[in-house]
Each structure stands twice: as structure tokens, then as C-alpha cells.
Amino acid sequence: MVDFWLVLSAVGSIASLIGLLLPFQNKSQRILHVAYGLAVTLLAFTAVWFWQENQRIHRIEQSAQRLLAHSEHISTDLGFIQAALAFLEKNRDIYPDTYYRALEICKLNNCSSAQYTDKNTGLDHVFNLQAVAEAFRGLISGIGTLEGGG
């Protein structure tokens, strides 16, 4: 990963060297050279920041695809639900609505409740977990697809 300060230092140094090589004729040209150096540094800093954000989104997309590919190896629906919630929580700064939607789906389907309750038979609980797991597979698949995945 490219470090912001490394790029900022390198570009700032290059801009300073260019500024030194250009002749100074009057005060307005000096101000123009300083402005030019700052503009080049700011442009480089902004480009690196956008590049890093783009790389992060691609890593999230790859992680979503890996989670779906390995979901067959997770032995229970509850295990996949927990893995999906952990993935969404880790990336909730980028996908906050999706994370809160997943929490709401879990709440509506009693993901965290005991298997047997007064209102819930074991079979209902199993069906609820299957429904939630499928919904989460759709959410995770959507993140991978929206970000350019297959």
C-alpha cells in the first residue's frame, strides 16, 4: 500500500526542485511558483487517496467472493450468518445501510434466540436461519457484483 506521506514528500520535493530551476524575476512569479508547487502536491495527494480507496473497494469485493466461495465449508447456517455479519461490520463504513439491514433481518428472524422458545419450535428456528443465510448470501453476492465482481 502506498503511503500518503511518502508520496507527499516525493512530489513536494520534485515540485521544490522544479521551482528552484525556474528563474525568479519578480515577487509575483515567486508566488506563482509556490502556488504551482502546492497544486502539484495537492493533486498527487488526492490521486493517491482516490487510488487507495479504489483498492480498498476491490479488496472488499474479493473478500465477498471468498466468503461466498467458502460458505460451503461453514457447517451451519448460523456459522455463515456470523461470518457474514462480521464481514459487514468490518466494512460498515462503506456499506452502513447494508450492515444495518442485515442486523434488522437477523432481528426479525430471531437469529440470536434459542432454538426452542415458547413462540418458536425448533423447525421454525431452522427455517428462519436458512432464510437469513440465503438473504445474507444475496447481500454479500450483491456487494461482490456491484463492485465489479462476477
N, C-alpha and C. Protein backbone atom coordinates (compact mmCIF):
# COMPACT_ATOMS: atom_id res chain seq x y z
N MET A 1 0.85 -1.17 0.00
CA MET A 1 0.00 0.00 0.00
C MET A 1 0.90 1.23 0.00
N VAL A 2 0.57 2.17 -0.83
CA VAL A 2 1.35 3.39 -0.96
C VAL A 2 1.03 4.30 0.22
N ASP A 3 2.08 4.83 0.84
CA ASP A 3 1.91 5.71 1.99
C ASP A 3 1.69 7.14 1.52
N PHE A 4 0.68 7.80 2.10
CA PHE A 4 0.36 9.19 1.74
C PHE A 4 1.57 10.09 1.93
N TRP A 5 2.21 9.98 3.06
CA TRP A 5 3.29 10.90 3.40
C TRP A 5 4.50 10.69 2.51
N LEU A 6 4.74 9.46 2.10
CA LEU A 6 5.84 9.18 1.18
C LEU A 6 5.60 9.87 -0.16
N VAL A 7 4.41 9.72 -0.68
CA VAL A 7 4.06 10.36 -1.96
C VAL A 7 4.08 11.88 -1.81
N LEU A 8 3.52 12.38 -0.72
CA LEU A 8 3.50 13.82 -0.48
C LEU A 8 4.93 14.37 -0.41
N SER A 9 5.81 13.67 0.27
CA SER A 9 7.21 14.12 0.37
C SER A 9 7.90 14.10 -0.99
N ALA A 10 7.72 13.01 -1.73
CA ALA A 10 8.38 12.89 -3.03
C ALA A 10 7.89 13.96 -4.00
N VAL A 11 6.60 14.12 -4.09
CA VAL A 11 6.05 15.11 -5.02
C VAL A 11 6.40 16.52 -4.57
N GLY A 12 6.36 16.76 -3.28
CA GLY A 12 6.74 18.07 -2.78
C GLY A 12 8.19 18.40 -3.07
N SER A 13 9.06 17.40 -2.94
CA SER A 13 10.48 17.60 -3.25
C SER A 13 10.69 17.88 -4.73
N ILE A 14 10.00 17.13 -5.56
CA ILE A 14 10.12 17.35 -7.02
C ILE A 14 9.61 18.73 -7.38
N ALA A 15 8.48 19.13 -6.79
CA ALA A 15 7.95 20.46 -7.07
C ALA A 15 8.91 21.55 -6.60
N SER A 16 9.57 21.32 -5.46
CA SER A 16 10.55 22.30 -4.98
C SER A 16 11.74 22.40 -5.91
N LEU A 17 12.22 21.26 -6.39
CA LEU A 17 13.35 21.27 -7.33
C LEU A 17 13.00 21.99 -8.63
N ILE A 18 11.81 21.74 -9.12
CA ILE A 18 11.37 22.43 -10.34
C ILE A 18 11.30 23.93 -10.08
N GLY A 19 10.79 24.28 -8.89
CA GLY A 19 10.72 25.69 -8.54
C GLY A 19 12.08 26.35 -8.46
N LEU A 20 13.07 25.62 -7.97
CA LEU A 20 14.42 26.17 -7.90
C LEU A 20 15.05 26.35 -9.28
N LEU A 21 14.71 25.47 -10.20
CA LEU A 21 15.29 25.54 -11.54
C LEU A 21 14.69 26.67 -12.37
N LEU A 22 13.47 27.05 -12.06
CA LEU A 22 12.84 28.13 -12.81
C LEU A 22 13.36 29.48 -12.31
N PRO A 23 13.65 30.39 -13.20
CA PRO A 23 14.21 31.67 -12.76
C PRO A 23 13.15 32.55 -12.08
N PHE A 24 13.61 33.28 -11.07
CA PHE A 24 12.73 34.22 -10.39
C PHE A 24 13.00 35.62 -10.95
N GLN A 25 11.99 36.26 -11.45
CA GLN A 25 12.18 37.61 -11.97
C GLN A 25 11.54 38.64 -11.05
N ASN A 26 10.44 38.29 -10.44
CA ASN A 26 9.81 39.24 -9.53
C ASN A 26 8.98 38.48 -8.48
N LYS A 27 8.37 39.22 -7.58
CA LYS A 27 7.63 38.63 -6.47
C LYS A 27 6.40 37.85 -6.95
N SER A 28 5.72 38.33 -7.96
CA SER A 28 4.52 37.63 -8.45
C SER A 28 4.88 36.26 -9.03
N GLN A 29 6.04 36.15 -9.66
CA GLN A 29 6.46 34.85 -10.19
C GLN A 29 6.80 33.89 -9.05
N ARG A 30 7.37 34.40 -7.97
CA ARG A 30 7.65 33.54 -6.82
C ARG A 30 6.35 32.99 -6.24
N ILE A 31 5.36 33.83 -6.14
CA ILE A 31 4.06 33.39 -5.63
C ILE A 31 3.46 32.35 -6.57
N LEU A 32 3.61 32.57 -7.86
CA LEU A 32 3.12 31.62 -8.85
C LEU A 32 3.84 30.28 -8.72
N HIS A 33 5.13 30.28 -8.46
CA HIS A 33 5.90 29.04 -8.30
C HIS A 33 5.45 28.29 -7.04
N VAL A 34 5.21 29.01 -5.97
CA VAL A 34 4.73 28.38 -4.74
C VAL A 34 3.35 27.76 -4.97
N ALA A 35 2.50 28.52 -5.64
CA ALA A 35 1.16 28.01 -5.94
C ALA A 35 1.24 26.78 -6.84
N TYR A 36 2.13 26.80 -7.81
CA TYR A 36 2.32 25.66 -8.70
C TYR A 36 2.77 24.44 -7.90
N GLY A 37 3.74 24.61 -7.01
CA GLY A 37 4.25 23.51 -6.19
C GLY A 37 3.17 22.93 -5.30
N LEU A 38 2.38 23.81 -4.68
CA LEU A 38 1.29 23.34 -3.83
C LEU A 38 0.21 22.61 -4.63
N ALA A 39 -0.08 23.13 -5.81
CA ALA A 39 -1.10 22.49 -6.65
C ALA A 39 -0.66 21.10 -7.08
N VAL A 40 0.59 20.95 -7.47
CA VAL A 40 1.09 19.64 -7.89
C VAL A 40 1.07 18.67 -6.72
N THR A 41 1.48 19.13 -5.55
CA THR A 41 1.48 18.29 -4.36
C THR A 41 0.07 17.87 -3.99
N LEU A 42 -0.85 18.81 -4.01
CA LEU A 42 -2.24 18.51 -3.68
C LEU A 42 -2.86 17.54 -4.69
N LEU A 43 -2.56 17.74 -5.96
CA LEU A 43 -3.07 16.84 -6.99
C LEU A 43 -2.55 15.42 -6.78
N ALA A 44 -1.27 15.28 -6.49
CA ALA A 44 -0.69 13.95 -6.27
C ALA A 44 -1.29 13.31 -5.02
N PHE A 45 -1.44 14.08 -3.96
CA PHE A 45 -2.02 13.57 -2.73
C PHE A 45 -3.45 13.07 -2.96
N THR A 46 -4.24 13.84 -3.69
CA THR A 46 -5.62 13.47 -3.99
C THR A 46 -5.67 12.21 -4.86
N ALA A 47 -4.80 12.13 -5.84
CA ALA A 47 -4.77 10.95 -6.72
C ALA A 47 -4.43 9.69 -5.93
N VAL A 48 -3.47 9.78 -5.03
CA VAL A 48 -3.10 8.62 -4.22
C VAL A 48 -4.25 8.23 -3.30
N TRP A 49 -4.92 9.21 -2.71
CA TRP A 49 -6.04 8.92 -1.82
C TRP A 49 -7.15 8.18 -2.57
N PHE A 50 -7.52 8.67 -3.77
CA PHE A 50 -8.56 8.00 -4.55
C PHE A 50 -8.12 6.61 -4.98
N TRP A 51 -6.86 6.45 -5.32
CA TRP A 51 -6.34 5.15 -5.71
C TRP A 51 -6.45 4.16 -4.55
N GLN A 52 -6.10 4.61 -3.34
CA GLN A 52 -6.18 3.73 -2.18
C GLN A 52 -7.63 3.35 -1.86
N GLU A 53 -8.54 4.29 -2.00
CA GLU A 53 -9.95 3.97 -1.77
C GLU A 53 -10.44 2.96 -2.79
N ASN A 54 -10.05 3.11 -4.03
CA ASN A 54 -10.42 2.17 -5.09
C ASN A 54 -9.85 0.78 -4.78
N GLN A 55 -8.62 0.73 -4.32
CA GLN A 55 -8.01 -0.55 -3.97
C GLN A 55 -8.76 -1.21 -2.81
N ARG A 56 -9.19 -0.42 -1.85
CA ARG A 56 -9.93 -0.98 -0.72
C ARG A 56 -11.24 -1.59 -1.19
N ILE A 57 -11.94 -0.90 -2.07
CA ILE A 57 -13.20 -1.43 -2.58
C ILE A 57 -12.98 -2.74 -3.33
N HIS A 58 -11.89 -2.81 -4.09
CA HIS A 58 -11.59 -4.06 -4.80
C HIS A 58 -11.25 -5.18 -3.82
N ARG A 59 -10.56 -4.87 -2.74
CA ARG A 59 -10.26 -5.90 -1.74
C ARG A 59 -11.53 -6.38 -1.05
N ILE A 60 -12.46 -5.48 -0.81
CA ILE A 60 -13.74 -5.87 -0.21
C ILE A 60 -14.50 -6.80 -1.16
N GLU A 61 -14.50 -6.46 -2.43
CA GLU A 61 -15.16 -7.29 -3.44
C GLU A 61 -14.54 -8.68 -3.48
N GLN A 62 -13.22 -8.76 -3.42
CA GLN A 62 -12.55 -10.06 -3.41
C GLN A 62 -12.88 -10.83 -2.14
N SER A 63 -12.93 -10.14 -1.01
CA SER A 63 -13.29 -10.80 0.25
C SER A 63 -14.71 -11.33 0.21
N ALA A 64 -15.62 -10.59 -0.40
CA ALA A 64 -17.00 -11.05 -0.53
C ALA A 64 -17.06 -12.32 -1.37
N GLN A 65 -16.31 -12.34 -2.46
CA GLN A 65 -16.30 -13.53 -3.29
C GLN A 65 -15.69 -14.73 -2.56
N ARG A 66 -14.63 -14.49 -1.76
CA ARG A 66 -14.03 -15.58 -1.00
C ARG A 66 -14.98 -16.10 0.08
N LEU A 67 -15.69 -15.19 0.73
CA LEU A 67 -16.66 -15.60 1.75
C LEU A 67 -17.74 -16.49 1.13
N LEU A 68 -18.24 -16.09 -0.03
CA LEU A 68 -19.26 -16.91 -0.69
C LEU A 68 -18.70 -18.24 -1.15
N ALA A 69 -17.46 -18.23 -1.65
CA ALA A 69 -16.85 -19.47 -2.12
C ALA A 69 -16.62 -20.45 -0.96
N HIS A 70 -16.31 -19.93 0.20
CA HIS A 70 -16.04 -20.79 1.36
C HIS A 70 -17.27 -21.04 2.21
N SER A 71 -18.41 -20.51 1.81
CA SER A 71 -19.62 -20.70 2.61
C SER A 71 -20.04 -22.16 2.65
N GLU A 72 -19.65 -22.93 1.65
CA GLU A 72 -19.98 -24.36 1.64
C GLU A 72 -19.22 -25.11 2.73
N HIS A 73 -18.08 -24.56 3.16
CA HIS A 73 -17.26 -25.21 4.17
C HIS A 73 -17.67 -24.82 5.59
N ILE A 74 -18.58 -23.85 5.71
CA ILE A 74 -19.09 -23.48 7.03
C ILE A 74 -20.23 -24.43 7.34
N SER A 75 -20.13 -25.12 8.45
CA SER A 75 -21.02 -26.27 8.70
C SER A 75 -22.48 -25.92 8.98
N THR A 76 -22.76 -24.72 9.47
CA THR A 76 -24.15 -24.40 9.80
C THR A 76 -24.54 -23.06 9.19
N ASP A 77 -25.84 -22.87 9.06
CA ASP A 77 -26.33 -21.57 8.61
C ASP A 77 -25.99 -20.48 9.60
N LEU A 78 -26.06 -20.80 10.89
CA LEU A 78 -25.71 -19.82 11.91
C LEU A 78 -24.25 -19.41 11.80
N GLY A 79 -23.38 -20.35 11.46
CA GLY A 79 -21.97 -20.03 11.26
C GLY A 79 -21.78 -19.07 10.10
N PHE A 80 -22.49 -19.31 9.00
CA PHE A 80 -22.38 -18.38 7.86
C PHE A 80 -22.95 -17.02 8.22
N ILE A 81 -24.05 -17.01 8.96
CA ILE A 81 -24.65 -15.73 9.36
C ILE A 81 -23.65 -14.92 10.18
N GLN A 82 -22.97 -15.60 11.11
CA GLN A 82 -21.98 -14.90 11.93
C GLN A 82 -20.82 -14.39 11.08
N ALA A 83 -20.37 -15.19 10.13
CA ALA A 83 -19.28 -14.76 9.25
C ALA A 83 -19.71 -13.58 8.39
N ALA A 84 -20.93 -13.62 7.88
CA ALA A 84 -21.44 -12.52 7.06
C ALA A 84 -21.59 -11.25 7.88
N LEU A 85 -22.09 -11.37 9.10
CA LEU A 85 -22.23 -10.20 9.96
C LEU A 85 -20.86 -9.61 10.29
N ALA A 86 -19.87 -10.46 10.53
CA ALA A 86 -18.52 -9.96 10.80
C ALA A 86 -17.96 -9.22 9.58
N PHE A 87 -18.18 -9.78 8.39
CA PHE A 87 -17.73 -9.13 7.16
C PHE A 87 -18.41 -7.76 6.98
N LEU A 88 -19.71 -7.72 7.19
CA LEU A 88 -20.45 -6.47 7.01
C LEU A 88 -20.08 -5.45 8.09
N GLU A 89 -19.84 -5.92 9.30
CA GLU A 89 -19.44 -5.00 10.37
C GLU A 89 -18.07 -4.40 10.09
N LYS A 90 -17.17 -5.22 9.58
CA LYS A 90 -15.82 -4.73 9.26
C LYS A 90 -15.87 -3.64 8.18
N ASN A 91 -16.84 -3.73 7.28
CA ASN A 91 -16.92 -2.80 6.16
C ASN A 91 -18.13 -1.87 6.26
N ARG A 92 -18.62 -1.67 7.47
CA ARG A 92 -19.83 -0.85 7.61
C ARG A 92 -19.59 0.62 7.33
N ASP A 93 -18.33 1.08 7.32
CA ASP A 93 -18.09 2.48 6.95
C ASP A 93 -18.36 2.71 5.48
N ILE A 94 -18.24 1.68 4.66
CA ILE A 94 -18.54 1.79 3.23
C ILE A 94 -19.98 1.37 2.94
N TYR A 95 -20.47 0.37 3.64
CA TYR A 95 -21.82 -0.15 3.42
C TYR A 95 -22.65 -0.09 4.71
N PRO A 96 -22.89 1.09 5.26
CA PRO A 96 -23.63 1.16 6.53
C PRO A 96 -25.07 0.68 6.42
N ASP A 97 -25.74 1.03 5.34
CA ASP A 97 -27.14 0.61 5.18
C ASP A 97 -27.26 -0.90 5.08
N THR A 98 -26.33 -1.52 4.38
CA THR A 98 -26.36 -2.98 4.23
C THR A 98 -26.13 -3.65 5.58
N TYR A 99 -25.20 -3.12 6.35
CA TYR A 99 -24.94 -3.68 7.68
C TYR A 99 -26.17 -3.59 8.57
N TYR A 100 -26.80 -2.41 8.61
CA TYR A 100 -27.99 -2.25 9.46
C TYR A 100 -29.18 -3.04 8.92
N ARG A 101 -29.26 -3.21 7.62
CA ARG A 101 -30.30 -4.06 7.03
C ARG A 101 -30.09 -5.51 7.46
N ALA A 102 -28.85 -5.95 7.48
CA ALA A 102 -28.55 -7.32 7.91
C ALA A 102 -28.90 -7.52 9.38
N LEU A 103 -28.61 -6.54 10.20
CA LEU A 103 -28.99 -6.64 11.62
C LEU A 103 -30.50 -6.72 11.77
N GLU A 104 -31.22 -5.94 10.97
CA GLU A 104 -32.69 -5.96 11.03
C GLU A 104 -33.24 -7.31 10.57
N ILE A 105 -32.66 -7.87 9.51
CA ILE A 105 -33.08 -9.19 9.03
C ILE A 105 -32.87 -10.22 10.13
N CYS A 106 -31.73 -10.12 10.79
CA CYS A 106 -31.42 -11.06 11.87
C CYS A 106 -32.41 -10.90 13.03
N LYS A 107 -32.70 -9.67 13.35
CA LYS A 107 -33.63 -9.40 14.46
C LYS A 107 -35.03 -9.93 14.13
N LEU A 108 -35.50 -9.69 12.91
CA LEU A 108 -36.84 -10.13 12.51
C LEU A 108 -36.97 -11.64 12.49
N ASN A 109 -35.87 -12.33 12.23
CA ASN A 109 -35.90 -13.79 12.13
C ASN A 109 -35.32 -14.49 13.35
N ASN A 110 -35.11 -13.74 14.42
CA ASN A 110 -34.63 -14.30 15.69
C ASN A 110 -33.36 -15.13 15.54
N CYS A 111 -32.37 -14.58 14.85
CA CYS A 111 -31.10 -15.30 14.65
C CYS A 111 -30.42 -15.66 15.95
N SER A 112 -30.47 -14.76 16.90
CA SER A 112 -29.71 -14.97 18.13
C SER A 112 -30.52 -15.59 19.25
N SER A 113 -31.77 -15.95 18.97
CA SER A 113 -32.59 -16.55 20.03
C SER A 113 -32.26 -18.04 20.17
N ALA A 114 -32.70 -18.59 21.27
CA ALA A 114 -32.52 -20.02 21.49
C ALA A 114 -33.36 -20.80 20.47
N GLN A 115 -32.95 -22.03 20.23
CA GLN A 115 -33.65 -22.82 19.22
C GLN A 115 -35.09 -23.11 19.62
N TYR A 116 -35.32 -23.35 20.90
CA TYR A 116 -36.68 -23.65 21.36
C TYR A 116 -37.13 -22.55 22.31
N THR A 117 -38.21 -21.89 21.95
CA THR A 117 -38.83 -20.90 22.83
C THR A 117 -40.32 -21.17 22.83
N ASP A 118 -41.04 -20.41 23.61
CA ASP A 118 -42.50 -20.59 23.66
C ASP A 118 -43.14 -20.32 22.31
N LYS A 119 -42.61 -19.32 21.59
CA LYS A 119 -43.20 -18.94 20.30
C LYS A 119 -42.58 -19.72 19.13
N ASN A 120 -41.50 -20.39 19.36
CA ASN A 120 -40.70 -20.89 18.26
C ASN A 120 -40.39 -22.37 18.46
N THR A 121 -40.76 -23.18 17.49
CA THR A 121 -40.35 -24.58 17.54
C THR A 121 -38.97 -24.69 16.91
N GLY A 122 -38.34 -25.80 17.13
CA GLY A 122 -37.00 -26.00 16.55
C GLY A 122 -37.02 -25.91 15.03
N LEU A 123 -38.08 -26.42 14.41
CA LEU A 123 -38.18 -26.40 12.96
C LEU A 123 -38.32 -24.97 12.42
N ASP A 124 -39.13 -24.17 13.12
CA ASP A 124 -39.26 -22.77 12.71
C ASP A 124 -37.91 -22.06 12.78
N HIS A 125 -37.17 -22.36 13.83
CA HIS A 125 -35.86 -21.72 14.01
C HIS A 125 -34.92 -22.12 12.86
N VAL A 126 -34.92 -23.37 12.50
CA VAL A 126 -34.08 -23.85 11.39
C VAL A 126 -34.47 -23.16 10.08
N PHE A 127 -35.77 -23.07 9.82
CA PHE A 127 -36.22 -22.38 8.60
C PHE A 127 -35.84 -20.90 8.61
N ASN A 128 -35.95 -20.26 9.77
CA ASN A 128 -35.56 -18.85 9.88
C ASN A 128 -34.07 -18.67 9.59
N LEU A 129 -33.25 -19.56 10.15
CA LEU A 129 -31.80 -19.46 9.92
C LEU A 129 -31.46 -19.70 8.45
N GLN A 130 -32.17 -20.65 7.82
CA GLN A 130 -31.93 -20.88 6.39
C GLN A 130 -32.31 -19.65 5.57
N ALA A 131 -33.42 -19.03 5.91
CA ALA A 131 -33.86 -17.84 5.19
C ALA A 131 -32.87 -16.69 5.38
N VAL A 132 -32.40 -16.51 6.59
CA VAL A 132 -31.44 -15.44 6.86
C VAL A 132 -30.12 -15.71 6.13
N ALA A 133 -29.66 -16.94 6.17
CA ALA A 133 -28.41 -17.29 5.49
C ALA A 133 -28.52 -17.01 3.99
N GLU A 134 -29.64 -17.35 3.39
CA GLU A 134 -29.83 -17.07 1.97
C GLU A 134 -29.90 -15.57 1.70
N ALA A 135 -30.56 -14.85 2.58
CA ALA A 135 -30.62 -13.39 2.42
C ALA A 135 -29.22 -12.79 2.51
N PHE A 136 -28.42 -13.29 3.44
CA PHE A 136 -27.05 -12.77 3.58
C PHE A 136 -26.18 -13.17 2.39
N ARG A 137 -26.41 -14.35 1.86
CA ARG A 137 -25.67 -14.72 0.64
C ARG A 137 -25.99 -13.73 -0.48
N GLY A 138 -27.26 -13.33 -0.57
CA GLY A 138 -27.65 -12.33 -1.56
C GLY A 138 -27.00 -10.98 -1.31
N LEU A 139 -26.94 -10.55 -0.05
CA LEU A 139 -26.29 -9.28 0.28
C LEU A 139 -24.81 -9.30 -0.08
N ILE A 140 -24.13 -10.36 0.33
CA ILE A 140 -22.69 -10.47 0.06
C ILE A 140 -22.44 -10.60 -1.43
N SER A 141 -23.27 -11.37 -2.11
CA SER A 141 -23.15 -11.50 -3.57
C SER A 141 -23.36 -10.15 -4.26
N GLY A 142 -24.31 -9.40 -3.76
CA GLY A 142 -24.57 -8.07 -4.32
C GLY A 142 -23.38 -7.15 -4.17
N ILE A 143 -22.72 -7.20 -3.03
CA ILE A 143 -21.52 -6.36 -2.84
C ILE A 143 -20.44 -6.76 -3.84
N GLY A 144 -20.23 -8.05 -4.02
CA GLY A 144 -19.23 -8.51 -4.99
C GLY A 144 -19.59 -8.13 -6.42
N THR A 145 -20.88 -8.21 -6.75
CA THR A 145 -21.33 -7.89 -8.10
C THR A 145 -21.28 -6.39 -8.36
N LEU A 146 -21.72 -5.59 -7.40
CA LEU A 146 -21.74 -4.14 -7.58
C LEU A 146 -20.35 -3.56 -7.74
N GLU A 147 -19.38 -4.19 -7.11
CA GLU A 147 -18.02 -3.68 -7.17
C GLU A 147 -17.22 -4.24 -8.33
N GLY A 148 -17.89 -4.91 -9.26
CA GLY A 148 -17.21 -5.36 -10.46
C GLY A 148 -16.89 -6.84 -10.47
N GLY A 149 -17.34 -7.57 -9.48
CA GLY A 149 -17.09 -9.00 -9.44
C GLY A 149 -18.08 -9.74 -10.32
N GLY A 150 -17.95 -11.06 -10.32
CA GLY A 150 -18.82 -11.88 -11.15
C GLY A 150 -19.99 -12.26 -10.43
